[in-house]
Structures are given as structure tokens and as C-alpha cells.
N, C-alpha and C. Protein backbone atom coordinates (compact mmCIF):
# COMPACT_ATOMS: atom_id res chain seq x y z
N MET A 1 -2.82 237.82 176.03
CA MET A 1 -1.44 237.83 175.57
C MET A 1 -0.56 238.24 176.75
N ASN A 2 0.55 237.53 176.94
CA ASN A 2 1.45 237.89 178.04
C ASN A 2 2.74 238.50 177.48
N LYS A 3 3.47 239.18 178.35
CA LYS A 3 4.67 239.90 177.91
C LYS A 3 5.76 238.96 177.41
N GLU A 4 5.82 237.74 177.93
CA GLU A 4 6.85 236.78 177.51
C GLU A 4 6.70 236.36 176.05
N SER A 5 5.49 236.44 175.52
CA SER A 5 5.27 236.04 174.12
C SER A 5 5.24 237.26 173.19
N CYS A 6 5.69 238.41 173.72
CA CYS A 6 5.71 239.65 172.94
C CYS A 6 7.07 240.31 173.02
N PHE A 7 7.28 241.26 172.13
CA PHE A 7 8.47 242.10 172.19
C PHE A 7 8.01 243.55 172.29
N GLU A 8 8.89 244.36 172.87
CA GLU A 8 8.58 245.78 173.02
C GLU A 8 8.88 246.49 171.70
N LEU A 9 7.83 247.05 171.11
CA LEU A 9 7.94 247.75 169.84
C LEU A 9 8.43 249.18 170.03
N GLY A 10 8.01 249.80 171.10
CA GLY A 10 8.35 251.20 171.35
C GLY A 10 7.48 251.73 172.45
N LYS A 11 7.20 253.03 172.38
CA LYS A 11 6.36 253.61 173.42
C LYS A 11 5.58 254.80 172.90
N ILE A 12 4.51 255.09 173.60
CA ILE A 12 3.71 256.28 173.33
C ILE A 12 4.43 257.43 174.02
N ILE A 13 4.65 258.50 173.29
CA ILE A 13 5.34 259.65 173.86
C ILE A 13 4.34 260.59 174.53
N LYS A 14 3.35 261.03 173.74
CA LYS A 14 2.38 262.00 174.28
C LYS A 14 1.22 262.13 173.29
N PRO A 15 0.13 262.78 173.74
CA PRO A 15 -0.97 263.05 172.81
C PRO A 15 -0.52 263.98 171.69
N HIS A 16 -1.19 263.86 170.56
CA HIS A 16 -0.91 264.72 169.40
C HIS A 16 -2.24 265.33 168.96
N GLY A 17 -2.42 266.59 169.21
CA GLY A 17 -3.68 267.25 168.85
C GLY A 17 -4.78 266.96 169.84
N LEU A 18 -6.01 267.25 169.41
CA LEU A 18 -7.15 267.14 170.32
C LEU A 18 -8.09 265.99 169.98
N GLN A 19 -7.78 265.23 168.91
CA GLN A 19 -8.69 264.19 168.44
C GLN A 19 -8.30 262.78 168.89
N GLY A 20 -7.38 262.66 169.86
CA GLY A 20 -7.01 261.34 170.38
C GLY A 20 -5.81 260.71 169.72
N GLU A 21 -5.18 261.39 168.78
CA GLU A 21 -3.98 260.83 168.17
C GLU A 21 -2.82 260.89 169.16
N LEU A 22 -1.83 260.03 168.92
CA LEU A 22 -0.70 259.91 169.83
C LEU A 22 0.62 259.94 169.07
N GLN A 23 1.59 260.62 169.65
CA GLN A 23 2.95 260.58 169.10
C GLN A 23 3.63 259.35 169.70
N ILE A 24 4.28 258.55 168.84
CA ILE A 24 4.93 257.33 169.30
C ILE A 24 6.39 257.30 168.86
N TYR A 25 7.17 256.48 169.54
CA TYR A 25 8.55 256.21 169.16
C TYR A 25 8.69 254.70 169.01
N LEU A 26 9.15 254.24 167.84
CA LEU A 26 9.37 252.82 167.60
C LEU A 26 10.85 252.52 167.80
N ASP A 27 11.15 251.67 168.77
CA ASP A 27 12.53 251.33 169.11
C ASP A 27 12.95 250.08 168.33
N VAL A 28 12.98 250.22 167.01
CA VAL A 28 13.32 249.11 166.11
C VAL A 28 14.25 249.62 165.01
N ASP A 29 14.96 248.69 164.38
CA ASP A 29 15.90 249.06 163.32
C ASP A 29 15.18 249.47 162.03
N GLU A 30 14.08 248.81 161.72
CA GLU A 30 13.35 249.06 160.48
C GLU A 30 11.90 249.46 160.79
N PRO A 31 11.65 250.72 161.14
CA PRO A 31 10.29 251.13 161.49
C PRO A 31 9.28 250.90 160.37
N THR A 32 9.70 251.02 159.12
CA THR A 32 8.76 250.87 158.01
C THR A 32 8.19 249.45 157.92
N ALA A 33 8.85 248.48 158.56
CA ALA A 33 8.32 247.11 158.57
C ALA A 33 7.00 247.03 159.34
N TYR A 34 6.69 248.07 160.11
CA TYR A 34 5.50 248.06 160.95
C TYR A 34 4.47 249.10 160.52
N LYS A 35 4.60 249.61 159.30
CA LYS A 35 3.72 250.70 158.85
C LYS A 35 2.28 250.27 158.61
N ASN A 36 2.02 248.97 158.47
CA ASN A 36 0.67 248.49 158.19
C ASN A 36 0.05 247.74 159.37
N LEU A 37 0.37 248.16 160.57
CA LEU A 37 -0.17 247.49 161.75
C LEU A 37 -1.69 247.59 161.80
N GLU A 38 -2.32 246.47 162.14
CA GLU A 38 -3.77 246.46 162.35
C GLU A 38 -4.10 246.66 163.82
N SER A 39 -3.20 246.15 164.69
CA SER A 39 -3.40 246.29 166.13
C SER A 39 -2.06 246.25 166.83
N VAL A 40 -2.07 246.66 168.08
CA VAL A 40 -0.87 246.68 168.90
C VAL A 40 -1.33 246.51 170.35
N PHE A 41 -0.46 245.98 171.18
CA PHE A 41 -0.77 245.87 172.60
C PHE A 41 -0.14 247.04 173.34
N VAL A 42 -0.93 247.67 174.20
CA VAL A 42 -0.44 248.76 175.04
C VAL A 42 -0.34 248.21 176.47
N GLU A 43 0.83 248.42 177.09
CA GLU A 43 1.04 247.94 178.45
C GLU A 43 0.38 248.92 179.43
N ILE A 44 -0.63 248.42 180.13
CA ILE A 44 -1.36 249.22 181.10
C ILE A 44 -1.41 248.43 182.40
N ASN A 45 -0.82 248.98 183.46
CA ASN A 45 -0.77 248.30 184.77
C ASN A 45 -0.25 246.87 184.66
N ASP A 46 0.84 246.69 183.94
CA ASP A 46 1.49 245.38 183.75
C ASP A 46 0.67 244.39 182.93
N ASN A 47 -0.40 244.84 182.31
CA ASN A 47 -1.20 243.99 181.42
C ASN A 47 -1.08 244.51 180.00
N LEU A 48 -1.18 243.61 179.02
CA LEU A 48 -1.16 244.00 177.62
C LEU A 48 -2.60 244.09 177.12
N VAL A 49 -2.98 245.30 176.73
CA VAL A 49 -4.34 245.57 176.28
C VAL A 49 -4.31 245.83 174.77
N PRO A 50 -5.12 245.09 173.99
CA PRO A 50 -5.10 245.30 172.54
C PRO A 50 -5.81 246.59 172.13
N PHE A 51 -5.20 247.29 171.18
CA PHE A 51 -5.80 248.48 170.58
C PHE A 51 -5.74 248.31 169.07
N PHE A 52 -6.85 248.63 168.40
CA PHE A 52 -6.90 248.55 166.95
C PHE A 52 -6.47 249.88 166.34
N VAL A 53 -5.62 249.80 165.32
CA VAL A 53 -5.03 250.98 164.71
C VAL A 53 -5.96 251.50 163.61
N GLU A 54 -6.35 252.77 163.72
CA GLU A 54 -7.12 253.42 162.66
C GLU A 54 -6.20 253.99 161.60
N SER A 55 -5.12 254.63 162.06
CA SER A 55 -4.16 255.20 161.11
C SER A 55 -2.79 255.27 161.78
N LEU A 56 -1.77 255.25 160.94
CA LEU A 56 -0.39 255.33 161.41
C LEU A 56 0.44 255.99 160.33
N SER A 57 1.14 257.05 160.70
CA SER A 57 2.09 257.67 159.77
C SER A 57 3.43 257.72 160.48
N LEU A 58 4.48 257.35 159.73
CA LEU A 58 5.83 257.27 160.30
C LEU A 58 6.76 258.26 159.63
N ASN A 59 7.68 258.79 160.42
CA ASN A 59 8.77 259.62 159.92
C ASN A 59 10.00 259.17 160.69
N GLY A 60 10.76 258.24 160.08
CA GLY A 60 11.87 257.63 160.79
C GLY A 60 11.32 256.76 161.90
N ASN A 61 11.87 256.91 163.11
CA ASN A 61 11.41 256.09 164.24
C ASN A 61 10.24 256.71 164.99
N LYS A 62 9.83 257.91 164.60
CA LYS A 62 8.70 258.56 165.26
C LYS A 62 7.48 258.49 164.36
N GLY A 63 6.31 258.60 164.98
CA GLY A 63 5.10 258.54 164.19
C GLY A 63 3.91 259.07 164.95
N ILE A 64 2.80 259.14 164.23
CA ILE A 64 1.52 259.54 164.80
C ILE A 64 0.57 258.37 164.56
N ILE A 65 -0.06 257.92 165.65
CA ILE A 65 -0.97 256.78 165.56
C ILE A 65 -2.34 257.19 166.11
N ALA A 66 -3.38 256.64 165.49
CA ALA A 66 -4.74 256.83 165.99
C ALA A 66 -5.32 255.44 166.26
N PHE A 67 -5.87 255.27 167.45
CA PHE A 67 -6.51 254.02 167.84
C PHE A 67 -8.02 254.18 167.79
N GLU A 68 -8.72 253.05 167.48
CA GLU A 68 -10.17 253.03 167.62
C GLU A 68 -10.52 253.31 169.08
N ASP A 69 -11.57 254.04 169.31
CA ASP A 69 -12.09 254.33 170.65
C ASP A 69 -11.21 255.25 171.49
N VAL A 70 -10.17 255.83 170.91
CA VAL A 70 -9.40 256.88 171.58
C VAL A 70 -9.68 258.13 170.77
N GLU A 71 -10.63 258.95 171.26
CA GLU A 71 -11.18 260.01 170.42
C GLU A 71 -11.00 261.42 170.97
N SER A 72 -10.32 261.54 172.12
CA SER A 72 -10.14 262.87 172.70
C SER A 72 -8.74 263.01 173.27
N PHE A 73 -8.38 264.25 173.54
CA PHE A 73 -7.10 264.52 174.18
C PHE A 73 -7.03 263.81 175.53
N GLU A 74 -8.13 263.80 176.26
CA GLU A 74 -8.17 263.17 177.58
C GLU A 74 -7.94 261.67 177.49
N ASP A 75 -8.58 261.02 176.48
CA ASP A 75 -8.36 259.58 176.27
C ASP A 75 -6.89 259.31 175.96
N ALA A 76 -6.32 260.15 175.10
CA ALA A 76 -4.93 259.97 174.68
C ALA A 76 -3.97 260.22 175.84
N GLU A 77 -4.28 261.20 176.66
CA GLU A 77 -3.40 261.54 177.80
C GLU A 77 -3.24 260.36 178.75
N LYS A 78 -4.27 259.54 178.88
CA LYS A 78 -4.21 258.36 179.76
C LYS A 78 -3.19 257.34 179.27
N LEU A 79 -2.82 257.41 177.98
CA LEU A 79 -1.88 256.45 177.40
C LEU A 79 -0.44 256.98 177.32
N ARG A 80 -0.24 258.21 177.76
CA ARG A 80 1.10 258.83 177.73
C ARG A 80 2.12 257.93 178.42
N ASP A 81 3.30 257.76 177.78
CA ASP A 81 4.45 257.01 178.32
C ASP A 81 4.21 255.51 178.47
N HIS A 82 3.15 254.97 177.89
CA HIS A 82 2.91 253.53 177.95
C HIS A 82 3.70 252.83 176.83
N LYS A 83 4.13 251.62 177.11
CA LYS A 83 4.90 250.83 176.14
C LYS A 83 3.99 250.14 175.15
N LEU A 84 4.51 249.97 173.93
CA LEU A 84 3.80 249.25 172.87
C LEU A 84 4.45 247.89 172.66
N HIS A 85 3.65 246.86 172.48
CA HIS A 85 4.16 245.51 172.29
C HIS A 85 3.48 244.85 171.09
N LEU A 86 4.19 243.88 170.51
CA LEU A 86 3.66 243.03 169.44
C LEU A 86 4.07 241.59 169.72
N PRO A 87 3.32 240.61 169.18
CA PRO A 87 3.70 239.21 169.35
C PRO A 87 5.06 238.91 168.71
N LEU A 88 5.83 238.02 169.34
CA LEU A 88 7.15 237.64 168.82
C LEU A 88 7.09 237.13 167.38
N ALA A 89 5.97 236.54 167.00
CA ALA A 89 5.83 236.00 165.65
C ALA A 89 5.93 237.08 164.58
N LEU A 90 5.74 238.34 164.95
CA LEU A 90 5.80 239.44 163.97
C LEU A 90 7.21 240.01 163.79
N LEU A 91 8.18 239.48 164.53
CA LEU A 91 9.56 239.95 164.33
C LEU A 91 10.07 239.46 162.98
N PRO A 92 10.70 240.33 162.20
CA PRO A 92 11.28 239.88 160.93
C PRO A 92 12.43 238.90 161.18
N GLU A 93 12.62 237.95 160.26
CA GLU A 93 13.74 237.02 160.38
C GLU A 93 15.04 237.76 160.17
N LEU A 94 16.06 237.35 160.92
CA LEU A 94 17.38 237.97 160.82
C LEU A 94 18.34 237.05 160.09
N PRO A 95 19.38 237.63 159.47
CA PRO A 95 20.40 236.80 158.82
C PRO A 95 21.15 235.97 159.86
N ASP A 96 21.83 234.92 159.40
CA ASP A 96 22.62 234.07 160.28
C ASP A 96 23.59 234.90 161.11
N GLY A 97 23.72 234.54 162.38
CA GLY A 97 24.64 235.22 163.28
C GLY A 97 24.02 236.41 163.99
N LYS A 98 22.97 236.99 163.43
CA LYS A 98 22.31 238.13 164.05
C LYS A 98 21.28 237.61 165.06
N PHE A 99 20.86 238.49 165.99
CA PHE A 99 19.96 238.04 167.03
C PHE A 99 19.15 239.19 167.58
N TYR A 100 18.01 238.82 168.14
CA TYR A 100 17.23 239.75 168.94
C TYR A 100 17.66 239.56 170.38
N TYR A 101 17.63 240.62 171.15
CA TYR A 101 18.12 240.57 172.52
C TYR A 101 17.47 239.46 173.34
N HIS A 102 16.16 239.31 173.23
CA HIS A 102 15.47 238.31 174.05
C HIS A 102 15.92 236.89 173.72
N GLU A 103 16.43 236.67 172.50
CA GLU A 103 16.83 235.33 172.08
C GLU A 103 18.07 234.82 172.78
N VAL A 104 18.98 235.71 173.18
CA VAL A 104 20.29 235.26 173.68
C VAL A 104 20.37 235.18 175.20
N ILE A 105 19.29 235.50 175.90
CA ILE A 105 19.30 235.33 177.36
C ILE A 105 19.52 233.84 177.64
N GLY A 106 20.53 233.54 178.46
CA GLY A 106 20.86 232.15 178.77
C GLY A 106 21.91 231.55 177.86
N TYR A 107 22.27 232.22 176.77
CA TYR A 107 23.33 231.71 175.88
C TYR A 107 24.68 231.78 176.59
N THR A 108 25.59 230.90 176.21
CA THR A 108 26.95 230.91 176.74
C THR A 108 27.77 231.93 175.96
N VAL A 109 28.46 232.81 176.68
CA VAL A 109 29.34 233.80 176.05
C VAL A 109 30.69 233.14 175.82
N VAL A 110 31.15 233.15 174.55
CA VAL A 110 32.42 232.52 174.18
C VAL A 110 33.33 233.59 173.58
N ASP A 111 34.45 233.83 174.28
CA ASP A 111 35.43 234.81 173.82
C ASP A 111 36.44 234.13 172.90
N GLN A 112 36.93 234.86 171.89
CA GLN A 112 37.90 234.30 170.95
C GLN A 112 39.20 233.87 171.63
N GLN A 113 39.63 234.58 172.68
CA GLN A 113 40.88 234.25 173.36
C GLN A 113 40.65 233.36 174.59
N GLU A 114 39.64 233.68 175.39
CA GLU A 114 39.44 233.02 176.68
C GLU A 114 38.54 231.79 176.64
N GLY A 115 37.78 231.62 175.56
CA GLY A 115 36.84 230.51 175.48
C GLY A 115 35.54 230.83 176.19
N ALA A 116 34.86 229.78 176.69
CA ALA A 116 33.57 229.96 177.36
C ALA A 116 33.76 230.73 178.66
N LEU A 117 32.92 231.76 178.86
CA LEU A 117 33.07 232.63 180.03
C LEU A 117 31.92 232.49 181.02
N GLY A 118 30.71 232.56 180.55
CA GLY A 118 29.54 232.54 181.41
C GLY A 118 28.29 232.64 180.56
N THR A 119 27.16 232.90 181.20
CA THR A 119 25.91 232.98 180.45
C THR A 119 25.35 234.39 180.47
N VAL A 120 24.62 234.71 179.43
CA VAL A 120 23.97 236.01 179.33
C VAL A 120 22.83 236.06 180.33
N ALA A 121 22.91 237.00 181.28
CA ALA A 121 21.87 237.14 182.30
C ALA A 121 20.76 238.06 181.82
N SER A 122 21.15 239.16 181.16
CA SER A 122 20.15 240.10 180.67
C SER A 122 20.82 241.07 179.70
N ILE A 123 19.99 241.86 179.05
CA ILE A 123 20.46 242.94 178.19
C ILE A 123 19.93 244.23 178.78
N LEU A 124 20.83 245.18 179.00
CA LEU A 124 20.46 246.46 179.57
C LEU A 124 20.46 247.50 178.46
N SER A 125 19.34 248.14 178.24
CA SER A 125 19.25 249.16 177.20
C SER A 125 19.51 250.52 177.84
N GLY A 126 20.47 251.24 177.28
CA GLY A 126 20.80 252.55 177.79
C GLY A 126 20.76 253.60 176.70
N LYS A 127 20.84 254.87 177.10
CA LYS A 127 20.82 255.95 176.12
C LYS A 127 22.09 255.96 175.29
N ALA A 128 23.24 255.74 175.93
CA ALA A 128 24.51 255.78 175.20
C ALA A 128 24.71 254.51 174.39
N GLN A 129 24.52 253.36 175.01
CA GLN A 129 24.66 252.08 174.31
C GLN A 129 24.03 250.98 175.15
N ASP A 130 23.75 249.87 174.48
CA ASP A 130 23.18 248.72 175.18
C ASP A 130 24.32 247.86 175.70
N LEU A 131 24.04 247.18 176.82
CA LEU A 131 25.06 246.35 177.47
C LEU A 131 24.52 244.95 177.70
N LEU A 132 25.40 243.98 177.54
CA LEU A 132 25.09 242.60 177.85
C LEU A 132 25.58 242.33 179.27
N GLU A 133 24.72 241.79 180.11
CA GLU A 133 25.10 241.45 181.48
C GLU A 133 25.38 239.96 181.56
N MET A 134 26.58 239.62 182.06
CA MET A 134 27.00 238.23 182.14
C MET A 134 27.54 237.94 183.53
N ASP A 135 27.27 236.75 184.04
CA ASP A 135 27.86 236.31 185.29
C ASP A 135 29.16 235.58 184.97
N TYR A 136 30.26 236.05 185.56
CA TYR A 136 31.58 235.45 185.32
C TYR A 136 32.31 235.34 186.66
N GLN A 137 32.58 234.13 187.09
CA GLN A 137 33.27 233.86 188.36
C GLN A 137 32.62 234.61 189.52
N GLY A 138 31.30 234.58 189.55
CA GLY A 138 30.55 235.20 190.63
C GLY A 138 30.45 236.71 190.55
N LYS A 139 30.94 237.31 189.49
CA LYS A 139 30.88 238.76 189.31
C LYS A 139 29.99 239.10 188.12
N GLU A 140 29.34 240.27 188.23
CA GLU A 140 28.56 240.79 187.11
C GLU A 140 29.51 241.51 186.15
N ILE A 141 29.51 241.08 184.90
CA ILE A 141 30.35 241.70 183.86
C ILE A 141 29.42 242.35 182.85
N LEU A 142 29.72 243.59 182.48
CA LEU A 142 28.94 244.30 181.46
C LEU A 142 29.78 244.41 180.20
N ILE A 143 29.20 243.96 179.09
CA ILE A 143 29.90 243.95 177.80
C ILE A 143 29.13 244.86 176.85
N PRO A 144 29.78 245.87 176.27
CA PRO A 144 29.10 246.74 175.30
C PRO A 144 28.61 245.93 174.09
N LEU A 145 27.38 246.16 173.71
CA LEU A 145 26.80 245.46 172.55
C LEU A 145 27.11 246.25 171.28
N ILE A 146 28.34 246.12 170.83
CA ILE A 146 28.77 246.75 169.58
C ILE A 146 29.38 245.69 168.69
N ASP A 147 29.31 245.90 167.37
CA ASP A 147 29.74 244.90 166.41
C ASP A 147 31.20 244.48 166.56
N GLU A 148 32.05 245.40 167.02
CA GLU A 148 33.47 245.07 167.17
C GLU A 148 33.72 244.09 168.32
N ILE A 149 32.80 244.03 169.27
CA ILE A 149 32.96 243.14 170.43
C ILE A 149 32.06 241.91 170.31
N VAL A 150 30.79 242.11 170.05
CA VAL A 150 29.85 241.00 169.92
C VAL A 150 29.79 240.60 168.45
N LEU A 151 30.37 239.44 168.15
CA LEU A 151 30.56 239.03 166.76
C LEU A 151 29.35 238.34 166.16
N GLY A 152 28.55 237.69 166.98
CA GLY A 152 27.36 237.01 166.46
C GLY A 152 26.93 235.88 167.34
N ALA A 153 25.77 235.32 167.02
CA ALA A 153 25.18 234.24 167.81
C ALA A 153 25.11 232.97 166.98
N ASN A 154 25.33 231.85 167.65
CA ASN A 154 25.10 230.55 167.05
C ASN A 154 23.88 229.98 167.77
N HIS A 155 22.74 230.02 167.09
CA HIS A 155 21.49 229.63 167.73
C HIS A 155 21.40 228.13 167.98
N GLU A 156 22.06 227.32 167.15
CA GLU A 156 22.05 225.87 167.37
C GLU A 156 22.79 225.50 168.64
N ASP A 157 23.97 226.12 168.84
CA ASP A 157 24.79 225.82 170.03
C ASP A 157 24.43 226.68 171.23
N LYS A 158 23.56 227.67 171.02
CA LYS A 158 23.19 228.63 172.07
C LYS A 158 24.43 229.32 172.64
N THR A 159 25.26 229.83 171.72
CA THR A 159 26.45 230.57 172.12
C THR A 159 26.43 231.96 171.50
N LEU A 160 27.07 232.89 172.20
CA LEU A 160 27.24 234.25 171.73
C LEU A 160 28.74 234.49 171.64
N ASN A 161 29.23 234.69 170.43
CA ASN A 161 30.66 234.83 170.19
C ASN A 161 31.08 236.29 170.34
N VAL A 162 32.15 236.50 171.15
CA VAL A 162 32.63 237.84 171.42
C VAL A 162 34.14 237.91 171.25
N ASN A 163 34.63 239.12 171.08
CA ASN A 163 36.07 239.40 171.07
C ASN A 163 36.27 240.54 172.06
N LEU A 164 36.44 240.17 173.34
CA LEU A 164 36.52 241.17 174.40
C LEU A 164 37.81 241.97 174.31
N PRO A 165 37.72 243.26 174.59
CA PRO A 165 38.93 244.08 174.64
C PRO A 165 39.85 243.57 175.75
N LYS A 166 41.13 243.64 175.50
CA LYS A 166 42.12 243.19 176.48
C LYS A 166 41.91 243.96 177.79
N GLY A 167 41.84 243.24 178.90
CA GLY A 167 41.72 243.86 180.22
C GLY A 167 40.30 244.08 180.69
N LEU A 168 39.29 243.84 179.85
CA LEU A 168 37.90 244.09 180.28
C LEU A 168 37.53 243.21 181.47
N LEU A 169 37.81 241.93 181.41
CA LEU A 169 37.49 241.04 182.51
C LEU A 169 38.25 241.42 183.76
N ASP A 170 39.52 241.82 183.61
CA ASP A 170 40.34 242.19 184.76
C ASP A 170 39.76 243.37 185.53
N LEU A 171 39.11 244.29 184.82
CA LEU A 171 38.49 245.45 185.49
C LEU A 171 37.47 245.01 186.53
N TYR A 172 36.72 243.96 186.21
CA TYR A 172 35.67 243.49 187.10
C TYR A 172 36.19 242.56 188.19
N LEU A 173 37.30 241.89 187.94
CA LEU A 173 37.81 240.89 188.90
C LEU A 173 38.73 241.49 189.94
N SER A 174 39.26 242.68 189.69
CA SER A 174 40.20 243.27 190.66
C SER A 174 39.52 244.12 191.69
């Protein structure tokens, strides 16, 4: 399995106890959608390695997971801070206009006032908020990914509809 055909589910935070269990964080909107996982891929040295789930308990976005063949604190410590991945096919379907970040890379950004602006280069995930990176007239523009600005995606036209705050583009062009 390669990373391009998977999405990042979350990450292993640290070992939990002495029996190989791990504390995890799921970076998803609906963690309970993943409560019955049979397996997950752990990113180790840029490779996705499958691990079979023995048990998983969730409390909000955090949880405790036990993998087959991870039976000691030492085994668990080797997995500290590693990312968790699942195949894209396991993503829940979204309502019309909604999107997963990986889906809109390459989409044309269309502003309500200015029209077509540029294409989505990447999505930057930050602690305060996520940002959409767009190339506009040879400049990198960062657009906050909030509902008031990013209105939705049209997957047929491969467009991302936005309502940019007045002056946002000018900040980057001056």
C-alpha cells in the first residue's frame, strides 16, 4: 500500500501501560466511524506497515489501541509519534459541496467577486487553523479554510468556491 492511496487517520502519541498498548489521536471529524477497525497502516521510515488491531477504545478524538504482536512497553515505544493511515476507500462519503483536503489539490479556486484565481497547490494543517495554498499571479496566497471563506467544492467542474475577504489578495501582491 502506498501513501497516495491512503489518508492520514491520526498518529500514535505514546505507549500506554506496560503491555504494548498505545495512546492515539485520530485527526478526523467523526472518530466513532473508525471504532471497529480491523487493521491500520503505521508509517515507518516512509513505508506503510500493516498492523492488526486487537482492541480499540475511543474517548473523543483520543483512544487506546492494542496491536497484534506489540506486547511490551519497548515494542510500543518504537511506534511513538508514528502516523496512522487507512485506504482512501474507507473515507465516509460527504454531502454535496463538502470535500476532503486531498480531493481539491489541483482544483481551480473561484472567488464570488474576482472569478477564477488559480489552482490549489496544497493544504497546510496548522494548530490554529488549516490553510489552502494557491498560486496567484506568481505569488503564494494562503486562504484560511473556514466556512465563511471556503463555500464548497464542485467536484464535476473541479472548482473550489470561495468568498475572499476584501483586501486579502492585495496583501500578497503589494
